[in-house]
Amino acid sequence: MRDDYTVRGKLILLYWLPPILWAAIVLSGSGDFLSAAHTGGFLSELLARLTGHPMPEQQFHSLHVAIRKTAHFTVYFIGGALFFRALRGEEGGWRGRWAAGAVALATAVAVMDEWHQMFVPSRGGHAWDVLLDCAGAAVAQYVGRVLNPSTAAQRPPVGTG
């Protein structure tokens, strides 16, 4: 009986520790350190060193926003994949309930992240960012389904459906 609990505990750590650590890292980044003012200064300096001159302000602003929004999407894509893996556990394949649960959990982290940012003077919580984060987690589920060998046999060949 004790061995069953030991094995179960190890499996829980194996599957749930990565998304929990991911969420902790994401939530720790919702403070002042990763605000647009800080990342903008770093990125501006990096680009100036790489190109030998500063980028025009409007172009830099557009690039900075694009990089920050791409980071949102990518971070939650990863989180969605990690939550899917945790919910699936030792089972194989792909199931809609695992995907829905993964998107829901990643979205819950996104809501907490944006809610926290509302109380940080250099940040602001935005519903659009939650939507973007949710989209990243959802796309991870789609990619996971497409790439999963067990679901490939269930899909019709490209161009036939």
N, C-alpha and C. Protein backbone atom coordinates (compact mmCIF):
# COMPACT_ATOMS: atom_id res chain seq x y z
N MET A 1 0.82 -1.19 0.00
CA MET A 1 0.00 0.00 0.00
C MET A 1 0.87 1.26 0.00
N ARG A 2 1.92 1.25 0.81
CA ARG A 2 2.81 2.41 0.88
C ARG A 2 3.47 2.67 -0.47
N ASP A 3 3.83 1.62 -1.19
CA ASP A 3 4.45 1.78 -2.50
C ASP A 3 3.50 2.46 -3.48
N ASP A 4 2.20 2.16 -3.39
CA ASP A 4 1.22 2.81 -4.26
C ASP A 4 1.20 4.31 -4.04
N TYR A 5 1.26 4.72 -2.76
CA TYR A 5 1.27 6.16 -2.46
C TYR A 5 2.56 6.81 -2.93
N THR A 6 3.68 6.12 -2.79
CA THR A 6 4.97 6.65 -3.24
C THR A 6 4.97 6.85 -4.75
N VAL A 7 4.51 5.83 -5.48
CA VAL A 7 4.46 5.93 -6.94
C VAL A 7 3.50 7.03 -7.36
N ARG A 8 2.34 7.07 -6.73
CA ARG A 8 1.35 8.10 -7.06
C ARG A 8 1.91 9.50 -6.79
N GLY A 9 2.59 9.67 -5.66
CA GLY A 9 3.19 10.96 -5.32
C GLY A 9 4.24 11.37 -6.34
N LYS A 10 5.06 10.41 -6.79
CA LYS A 10 6.07 10.71 -7.80
C LYS A 10 5.43 11.10 -9.12
N LEU A 11 4.33 10.42 -9.48
CA LEU A 11 3.65 10.76 -10.73
C LEU A 11 3.01 12.15 -10.66
N ILE A 12 2.45 12.47 -9.50
CA ILE A 12 1.86 13.80 -9.34
C ILE A 12 2.94 14.85 -9.50
N LEU A 13 4.10 14.64 -8.87
CA LEU A 13 5.21 15.59 -9.03
C LEU A 13 5.68 15.66 -10.47
N LEU A 14 5.80 14.51 -11.11
CA LEU A 14 6.28 14.46 -12.49
C LEU A 14 5.39 15.27 -13.43
N TYR A 15 4.08 15.13 -13.26
CA TYR A 15 3.16 15.78 -14.19
C TYR A 15 2.71 17.18 -13.75
N TRP A 16 2.59 17.43 -12.45
CA TRP A 16 2.05 18.70 -11.99
C TRP A 16 3.10 19.71 -11.59
N LEU A 17 4.30 19.29 -11.27
CA LEU A 17 5.32 20.25 -10.89
C LEU A 17 5.67 21.22 -12.03
N PRO A 18 5.84 20.75 -13.27
CA PRO A 18 6.15 21.70 -14.35
C PRO A 18 5.10 22.81 -14.54
N PRO A 19 3.79 22.50 -14.61
CA PRO A 19 2.86 23.63 -14.79
C PRO A 19 2.76 24.52 -13.55
N ILE A 20 2.98 23.95 -12.37
CA ILE A 20 2.94 24.77 -11.15
C ILE A 20 4.14 25.73 -11.15
N LEU A 21 5.32 25.23 -11.50
CA LEU A 21 6.50 26.10 -11.59
C LEU A 21 6.32 27.15 -12.68
N TRP A 22 5.74 26.73 -13.82
CA TRP A 22 5.47 27.68 -14.91
C TRP A 22 4.57 28.80 -14.40
N ALA A 23 3.48 28.44 -13.70
CA ALA A 23 2.55 29.46 -13.20
C ALA A 23 3.26 30.38 -12.20
N ALA A 24 4.10 29.82 -11.35
CA ALA A 24 4.83 30.64 -10.38
C ALA A 24 5.76 31.64 -11.09
N ILE A 25 6.43 31.18 -12.13
CA ILE A 25 7.32 32.07 -12.88
C ILE A 25 6.52 33.17 -13.58
N VAL A 26 5.41 32.79 -14.21
CA VAL A 26 4.56 33.77 -14.89
C VAL A 26 4.05 34.81 -13.90
N LEU A 27 3.54 34.34 -12.77
CA LEU A 27 2.98 35.27 -11.80
C LEU A 27 4.05 36.14 -11.15
N SER A 28 5.26 35.62 -11.04
CA SER A 28 6.34 36.45 -10.48
C SER A 28 6.75 37.55 -11.46
N GLY A 29 6.45 37.36 -12.73
CA GLY A 29 6.78 38.37 -13.74
C GLY A 29 5.75 39.46 -13.88
N SER A 30 4.68 39.40 -13.08
CA SER A 30 3.63 40.41 -13.24
C SER A 30 3.88 41.66 -12.39
N GLY A 31 5.04 41.73 -11.80
CA GLY A 31 5.40 42.92 -11.03
C GLY A 31 6.04 43.98 -11.91
N ASP A 32 6.73 44.89 -11.27
CA ASP A 32 7.33 46.04 -11.96
C ASP A 32 8.48 45.64 -12.88
N PHE A 33 9.23 44.61 -12.51
CA PHE A 33 10.45 44.25 -13.24
C PHE A 33 10.22 44.04 -14.73
N LEU A 34 9.13 43.40 -15.13
CA LEU A 34 8.85 43.15 -16.55
C LEU A 34 7.83 44.12 -17.12
N SER A 35 7.72 45.29 -16.52
CA SER A 35 6.81 46.30 -17.07
C SER A 35 7.35 46.79 -18.41
N ALA A 36 6.50 47.42 -19.18
CA ALA A 36 6.90 47.94 -20.50
C ALA A 36 8.06 48.93 -20.37
N ALA A 37 8.06 49.71 -19.29
CA ALA A 37 9.14 50.69 -19.10
C ALA A 37 10.49 49.98 -18.96
N HIS A 38 10.51 48.88 -18.24
CA HIS A 38 11.77 48.16 -18.05
C HIS A 38 12.18 47.38 -19.30
N THR A 39 11.24 46.66 -19.88
CA THR A 39 11.59 45.89 -21.08
C THR A 39 11.89 46.82 -22.25
N GLY A 40 11.22 47.95 -22.29
CA GLY A 40 11.48 48.91 -23.36
C GLY A 40 12.88 49.47 -23.31
N GLY A 41 13.33 49.81 -22.10
CA GLY A 41 14.69 50.33 -21.96
C GLY A 41 15.73 49.30 -22.36
N PHE A 42 15.52 48.07 -21.93
CA PHE A 42 16.46 46.99 -22.28
C PHE A 42 16.47 46.75 -23.79
N LEU A 43 15.29 46.64 -24.38
CA LEU A 43 15.20 46.37 -25.81
C LEU A 43 15.75 47.52 -26.65
N SER A 44 15.46 48.72 -26.24
CA SER A 44 15.97 49.90 -26.96
C SER A 44 17.50 49.91 -26.96
N GLU A 45 18.08 49.66 -25.81
CA GLU A 45 19.54 49.61 -25.69
C GLU A 45 20.12 48.48 -26.52
N LEU A 46 19.50 47.32 -26.49
CA LEU A 46 19.97 46.17 -27.26
C LEU A 46 19.95 46.47 -28.76
N LEU A 47 18.84 47.01 -29.24
CA LEU A 47 18.72 47.34 -30.66
C LEU A 47 19.73 48.40 -31.09
N ALA A 48 19.95 49.38 -30.23
CA ALA A 48 20.91 50.44 -30.55
C ALA A 48 22.32 49.86 -30.65
N ARG A 49 22.63 48.93 -29.78
CA ARG A 49 23.97 48.31 -29.82
C ARG A 49 24.13 47.41 -31.05
N LEU A 50 23.06 46.72 -31.41
CA LEU A 50 23.13 45.82 -32.57
C LEU A 50 23.20 46.58 -33.89
N THR A 51 22.44 47.67 -33.98
CA THR A 51 22.37 48.40 -35.25
C THR A 51 23.29 49.60 -35.31
N GLY A 52 23.78 50.05 -34.17
CA GLY A 52 24.67 51.20 -34.15
C GLY A 52 23.94 52.53 -34.05
N HIS A 53 22.61 52.50 -34.00
CA HIS A 53 21.83 53.74 -33.85
C HIS A 53 20.48 53.40 -33.23
N PRO A 54 19.86 54.37 -32.56
CA PRO A 54 18.55 54.10 -31.98
C PRO A 54 17.48 53.97 -33.06
N MET A 55 16.48 53.20 -32.78
CA MET A 55 15.35 53.03 -33.70
C MET A 55 14.40 54.21 -33.54
N PRO A 56 13.79 54.69 -34.62
CA PRO A 56 12.80 55.77 -34.50
C PRO A 56 11.70 55.37 -33.50
N GLU A 57 11.25 56.33 -32.73
CA GLU A 57 10.34 56.06 -31.61
C GLU A 57 9.08 55.30 -32.01
N GLN A 58 8.42 55.71 -33.08
CA GLN A 58 7.18 55.04 -33.48
C GLN A 58 7.44 53.60 -33.90
N GLN A 59 8.50 53.37 -34.64
CA GLN A 59 8.85 52.01 -35.04
C GLN A 59 9.20 51.16 -33.82
N PHE A 60 9.96 51.75 -32.91
CA PHE A 60 10.33 51.03 -31.71
C PHE A 60 9.10 50.66 -30.90
N HIS A 61 8.18 51.61 -30.74
CA HIS A 61 6.96 51.34 -29.98
C HIS A 61 6.19 50.17 -30.59
N SER A 62 6.03 50.16 -31.90
CA SER A 62 5.32 49.07 -32.58
C SER A 62 6.02 47.74 -32.37
N LEU A 63 7.32 47.73 -32.51
CA LEU A 63 8.09 46.50 -32.30
C LEU A 63 7.99 46.02 -30.86
N HIS A 64 8.08 46.95 -29.92
CA HIS A 64 8.01 46.60 -28.51
C HIS A 64 6.66 45.98 -28.17
N VAL A 65 5.58 46.57 -28.65
CA VAL A 65 4.24 46.01 -28.41
C VAL A 65 4.13 44.63 -29.03
N ALA A 66 4.62 44.47 -30.26
CA ALA A 66 4.55 43.16 -30.93
C ALA A 66 5.32 42.10 -30.15
N ILE A 67 6.49 42.45 -29.66
CA ILE A 67 7.29 41.49 -28.89
C ILE A 67 6.58 41.13 -27.59
N ARG A 68 6.03 42.10 -26.91
CA ARG A 68 5.34 41.82 -25.63
C ARG A 68 4.09 40.97 -25.86
N LYS A 69 3.34 41.23 -26.91
CA LYS A 69 2.13 40.44 -27.16
C LYS A 69 2.49 39.03 -27.64
N THR A 70 3.56 38.90 -28.42
CA THR A 70 4.03 37.58 -28.83
C THR A 70 4.49 36.79 -27.62
N ALA A 71 5.11 37.47 -26.68
CA ALA A 71 5.54 36.80 -25.44
C ALA A 71 4.33 36.30 -24.66
N HIS A 72 3.29 37.11 -24.57
CA HIS A 72 2.06 36.67 -23.89
C HIS A 72 1.56 35.37 -24.52
N PHE A 73 1.38 35.39 -25.82
CA PHE A 73 0.86 34.23 -26.54
C PHE A 73 1.74 33.01 -26.31
N THR A 74 3.05 33.18 -26.46
CA THR A 74 3.99 32.07 -26.35
C THR A 74 4.03 31.49 -24.95
N VAL A 75 4.07 32.34 -23.96
CA VAL A 75 4.13 31.88 -22.57
C VAL A 75 2.90 31.05 -22.23
N TYR A 76 1.74 31.48 -22.68
CA TYR A 76 0.51 30.74 -22.37
C TYR A 76 0.32 29.54 -23.29
N PHE A 77 0.91 29.54 -24.45
CA PHE A 77 0.96 28.34 -25.29
C PHE A 77 1.70 27.24 -24.51
N ILE A 78 2.84 27.61 -23.95
CA ILE A 78 3.63 26.65 -23.16
C ILE A 78 2.84 26.20 -21.94
N GLY A 79 2.21 27.14 -21.25
CA GLY A 79 1.41 26.78 -20.08
C GLY A 79 0.26 25.86 -20.43
N GLY A 80 -0.41 26.13 -21.55
CA GLY A 80 -1.50 25.26 -21.99
C GLY A 80 -1.01 23.84 -22.26
N ALA A 81 0.16 23.72 -22.88
CA ALA A 81 0.74 22.40 -23.15
C ALA A 81 1.10 21.70 -21.84
N LEU A 82 1.67 22.42 -20.90
CA LEU A 82 2.05 21.81 -19.61
C LEU A 82 0.82 21.36 -18.81
N PHE A 83 -0.23 22.18 -18.81
CA PHE A 83 -1.45 21.78 -18.11
C PHE A 83 -2.10 20.57 -18.80
N PHE A 84 -2.07 20.52 -20.12
CA PHE A 84 -2.61 19.36 -20.83
C PHE A 84 -1.87 18.10 -20.39
N ARG A 85 -0.54 18.17 -20.39
CA ARG A 85 0.29 17.03 -19.99
C ARG A 85 -0.04 16.59 -18.56
N ALA A 86 -0.24 17.55 -17.66
CA ALA A 86 -0.57 17.23 -16.27
C ALA A 86 -1.94 16.56 -16.17
N LEU A 87 -2.91 17.08 -16.89
CA LEU A 87 -4.25 16.49 -16.84
C LEU A 87 -4.30 15.11 -17.49
N ARG A 88 -3.53 14.90 -18.51
CA ARG A 88 -3.48 13.60 -19.19
C ARG A 88 -2.78 12.57 -18.32
N GLY A 89 -1.74 12.99 -17.62
CA GLY A 89 -1.00 12.06 -16.77
C GLY A 89 -0.35 10.97 -17.58
N GLU A 90 -0.51 9.74 -17.12
CA GLU A 90 0.12 8.60 -17.79
C GLU A 90 -0.63 8.12 -19.02
N GLU A 91 -1.85 8.59 -19.19
CA GLU A 91 -2.64 8.15 -20.33
C GLU A 91 -2.06 8.73 -21.62
N GLY A 92 -2.34 8.08 -22.70
CA GLY A 92 -1.89 8.58 -23.99
C GLY A 92 -3.02 9.23 -24.74
N GLY A 93 -2.71 9.75 -25.89
CA GLY A 93 -3.74 10.29 -26.76
C GLY A 93 -4.10 11.73 -26.45
N TRP A 94 -5.25 12.10 -26.94
CA TRP A 94 -5.75 13.47 -26.81
C TRP A 94 -7.23 13.38 -26.53
N ARG A 95 -7.70 14.12 -25.53
CA ARG A 95 -9.12 14.18 -25.23
C ARG A 95 -9.53 15.63 -25.04
N GLY A 96 -10.73 15.91 -25.50
CA GLY A 96 -11.24 17.27 -25.41
C GLY A 96 -11.33 17.78 -23.99
N ARG A 97 -11.67 16.92 -23.04
CA ARG A 97 -11.79 17.38 -21.65
C ARG A 97 -10.43 17.78 -21.08
N TRP A 98 -9.37 17.11 -21.50
CA TRP A 98 -8.02 17.51 -21.05
C TRP A 98 -7.68 18.87 -21.65
N ALA A 99 -7.99 19.03 -22.93
CA ALA A 99 -7.70 20.30 -23.61
C ALA A 99 -8.49 21.44 -22.98
N ALA A 100 -9.78 21.22 -22.75
CA ALA A 100 -10.61 22.26 -22.14
C ALA A 100 -10.12 22.60 -20.74
N GLY A 101 -9.75 21.59 -19.98
CA GLY A 101 -9.21 21.82 -18.64
C GLY A 101 -7.91 22.59 -18.68
N ALA A 102 -7.06 22.27 -19.64
CA ALA A 102 -5.78 22.97 -19.77
C ALA A 102 -5.99 24.44 -20.12
N VAL A 103 -6.91 24.71 -21.02
CA VAL A 103 -7.20 26.11 -21.38
C VAL A 103 -7.80 26.83 -20.18
N ALA A 104 -8.69 26.18 -19.46
CA ALA A 104 -9.30 26.80 -18.28
C ALA A 104 -8.26 27.13 -17.21
N LEU A 105 -7.34 26.20 -16.95
CA LEU A 105 -6.30 26.44 -15.94
C LEU A 105 -5.34 27.55 -16.37
N ALA A 106 -4.94 27.54 -17.64
CA ALA A 106 -4.05 28.59 -18.13
C ALA A 106 -4.76 29.95 -18.09
N THR A 107 -6.03 29.96 -18.41
CA THR A 107 -6.81 31.20 -18.35
C THR A 107 -6.94 31.70 -16.92
N ALA A 108 -7.10 30.78 -15.97
CA ALA A 108 -7.15 31.18 -14.56
C ALA A 108 -5.85 31.86 -14.14
N VAL A 109 -4.72 31.33 -14.59
CA VAL A 109 -3.43 31.96 -14.29
C VAL A 109 -3.38 33.34 -14.95
N ALA A 110 -3.85 33.45 -16.18
CA ALA A 110 -3.85 34.73 -16.89
C ALA A 110 -4.70 35.77 -16.15
N VAL A 111 -5.86 35.36 -15.66
CA VAL A 111 -6.72 36.28 -14.92
C VAL A 111 -6.02 36.74 -13.64
N MET A 112 -5.38 35.81 -12.92
CA MET A 112 -4.65 36.20 -11.71
C MET A 112 -3.51 37.16 -12.04
N ASP A 113 -2.82 36.88 -13.13
CA ASP A 113 -1.70 37.72 -13.57
C ASP A 113 -2.17 39.14 -13.86
N GLU A 114 -3.20 39.26 -14.66
CA GLU A 114 -3.71 40.59 -15.04
C GLU A 114 -4.34 41.30 -13.85
N TRP A 115 -5.00 40.55 -12.98
CA TRP A 115 -5.61 41.14 -11.79
C TRP A 115 -4.50 41.74 -10.91
N HIS A 116 -3.42 40.99 -10.71
CA HIS A 116 -2.30 41.48 -9.91
C HIS A 116 -1.71 42.75 -10.54
N GLN A 117 -1.60 42.77 -11.85
CA GLN A 117 -1.01 43.92 -12.53
C GLN A 117 -1.83 45.20 -12.33
N MET A 118 -3.11 45.06 -12.04
CA MET A 118 -3.94 46.24 -11.80
C MET A 118 -3.48 47.01 -10.56
N PHE A 119 -2.75 46.34 -9.66
CA PHE A 119 -2.31 46.97 -8.42
C PHE A 119 -0.84 47.37 -8.45
N VAL A 120 -0.18 47.18 -9.59
CA VAL A 120 1.22 47.57 -9.74
C VAL A 120 1.24 48.88 -10.51
N PRO A 121 1.78 49.96 -9.90
CA PRO A 121 1.71 51.28 -10.54
C PRO A 121 2.26 51.34 -11.97
N SER A 122 3.31 50.58 -12.27
CA SER A 122 3.90 50.65 -13.61
C SER A 122 3.25 49.67 -14.59
N ARG A 123 2.24 48.97 -14.14
CA ARG A 123 1.57 47.99 -14.99
C ARG A 123 0.09 48.31 -15.06
N GLY A 124 -0.61 47.52 -15.82
CA GLY A 124 -2.06 47.63 -15.89
C GLY A 124 -2.63 46.29 -16.33
N GLY A 125 -3.70 45.87 -15.72
CA GLY A 125 -4.34 44.62 -16.12
C GLY A 125 -5.28 44.88 -17.29
N HIS A 126 -5.23 44.01 -18.30
CA HIS A 126 -6.03 44.21 -19.50
C HIS A 126 -6.74 42.93 -19.89
N ALA A 127 -8.04 43.04 -20.14
CA ALA A 127 -8.82 41.88 -20.56
C ALA A 127 -8.32 41.34 -21.90
N TRP A 128 -7.83 42.23 -22.77
CA TRP A 128 -7.31 41.77 -24.07
C TRP A 128 -6.12 40.84 -23.89
N ASP A 129 -5.30 41.11 -22.87
CA ASP A 129 -4.16 40.23 -22.62
C ASP A 129 -4.64 38.86 -22.15
N VAL A 130 -5.70 38.82 -21.34
CA VAL A 130 -6.26 37.53 -20.92
C VAL A 130 -6.76 36.77 -22.15
N LEU A 131 -7.42 37.47 -23.04
CA LEU A 131 -7.92 36.84 -24.26
C LEU A 131 -6.76 36.30 -25.11
N LEU A 132 -5.70 37.07 -25.23
CA LEU A 132 -4.52 36.64 -25.98
C LEU A 132 -3.88 35.42 -25.31
N ASP A 133 -3.79 35.43 -23.97
CA ASP A 133 -3.23 34.31 -23.23
C ASP A 133 -4.08 33.05 -23.43
N CYS A 134 -5.39 33.22 -23.36
CA CYS A 134 -6.32 32.10 -23.58
C CYS A 134 -6.14 31.55 -24.99
N ALA A 135 -5.96 32.42 -25.96
CA ALA A 135 -5.73 31.98 -27.34
C ALA A 135 -4.44 31.17 -27.45
N GLY A 136 -3.39 31.60 -26.77
CA GLY A 136 -2.14 30.84 -26.78
C GLY A 136 -2.34 29.44 -26.23
N ALA A 137 -3.05 29.32 -25.11
CA ALA A 137 -3.32 28.01 -24.52
C ALA A 137 -4.20 27.17 -25.45
N ALA A 138 -5.18 27.79 -26.10
CA ALA A 138 -6.07 27.06 -27.01
C ALA A 138 -5.32 26.57 -28.24
N VAL A 139 -4.45 27.39 -28.80
CA VAL A 139 -3.67 26.98 -29.97
C VAL A 139 -2.76 25.82 -29.60
N ALA A 140 -2.24 25.81 -28.38
CA ALA A 140 -1.42 24.68 -27.93
C ALA A 140 -2.23 23.38 -27.98
N GLN A 141 -3.51 23.47 -27.63
CA GLN A 141 -4.35 22.26 -27.66
C GLN A 141 -4.57 21.79 -29.10
N TYR A 142 -4.80 22.75 -29.98
CA TYR A 142 -4.99 22.41 -31.40
C TYR A 142 -3.72 21.77 -31.97
N VAL A 143 -2.59 22.39 -31.71
CA VAL A 143 -1.31 21.85 -32.20
C VAL A 143 -1.07 20.46 -31.61
N GLY A 144 -1.36 20.32 -30.32
CA GLY A 144 -1.19 19.01 -29.69
C GLY A 144 -2.07 17.95 -30.32
N ARG A 145 -3.28 18.32 -30.68
CA ARG A 145 -4.18 17.36 -31.32
C ARG A 145 -3.70 17.00 -32.71
N VAL A 146 -3.27 17.99 -33.46
CA VAL A 146 -2.79 17.75 -34.82
C VAL A 146 -1.53 16.89 -34.81
N LEU A 147 -0.64 17.13 -33.87
CA LEU A 147 0.62 16.40 -33.83
C LEU A 147 0.53 15.06 -33.11
N ASN A 148 -0.56 14.80 -32.41
CA ASN A 148 -0.69 13.55 -31.66
C ASN A 148 -0.93 12.39 -32.62
N PRO A 149 -0.06 11.38 -32.60
CA PRO A 149 -0.20 10.26 -33.55
C PRO A 149 -1.51 9.50 -33.39
N SER A 150 -2.06 9.44 -32.18
CA SER A 150 -3.30 8.68 -31.99
C SER A 150 -4.51 9.37 -32.60
N THR A 151 -4.45 10.68 -32.81
CA THR A 151 -5.58 11.37 -33.44
C THR A 151 -5.37 11.54 -34.94
N ALA A 152 -4.15 11.33 -35.42
CA ALA A 152 -3.88 11.48 -36.85
C ALA A 152 -4.67 10.46 -37.66
N ALA A 153 -4.83 9.27 -37.14
CA ALA A 153 -5.58 8.23 -37.86
C ALA A 153 -7.06 8.55 -37.94
N GLN A 154 -7.56 9.37 -37.02
CA GLN A 154 -8.99 9.71 -36.99
C GLN A 154 -9.34 10.84 -37.96
N ARG A 155 -8.34 11.58 -38.42
CA ARG A 155 -8.60 12.72 -39.30
C ARG A 155 -8.53 12.30 -40.75
N PRO A 156 -9.39 12.87 -41.58
CA PRO A 156 -9.28 12.57 -43.02
C PRO A 156 -8.02 13.21 -43.59
N PRO A 157 -7.47 12.65 -44.65
CA PRO A 157 -6.29 13.26 -45.27
C PRO A 157 -6.59 14.69 -45.74
N VAL A 158 -5.58 15.50 -45.77
CA VAL A 158 -5.71 16.91 -46.18
C VAL A 158 -6.29 16.97 -47.59
N GLY A 159 -7.29 17.83 -47.78
CA GLY A 159 -7.87 18.04 -49.09
C GLY A 159 -9.03 17.10 -49.41
N THR A 160 -9.38 16.18 -48.47
CA THR A 160 -10.47 15.26 -48.76
C THR A 160 -11.71 15.57 -47.95
N GLY A 161 -11.64 16.50 -47.04
CA GLY A 161 -12.79 16.74 -46.19
C GLY A 161 -13.26 18.08 -46.30
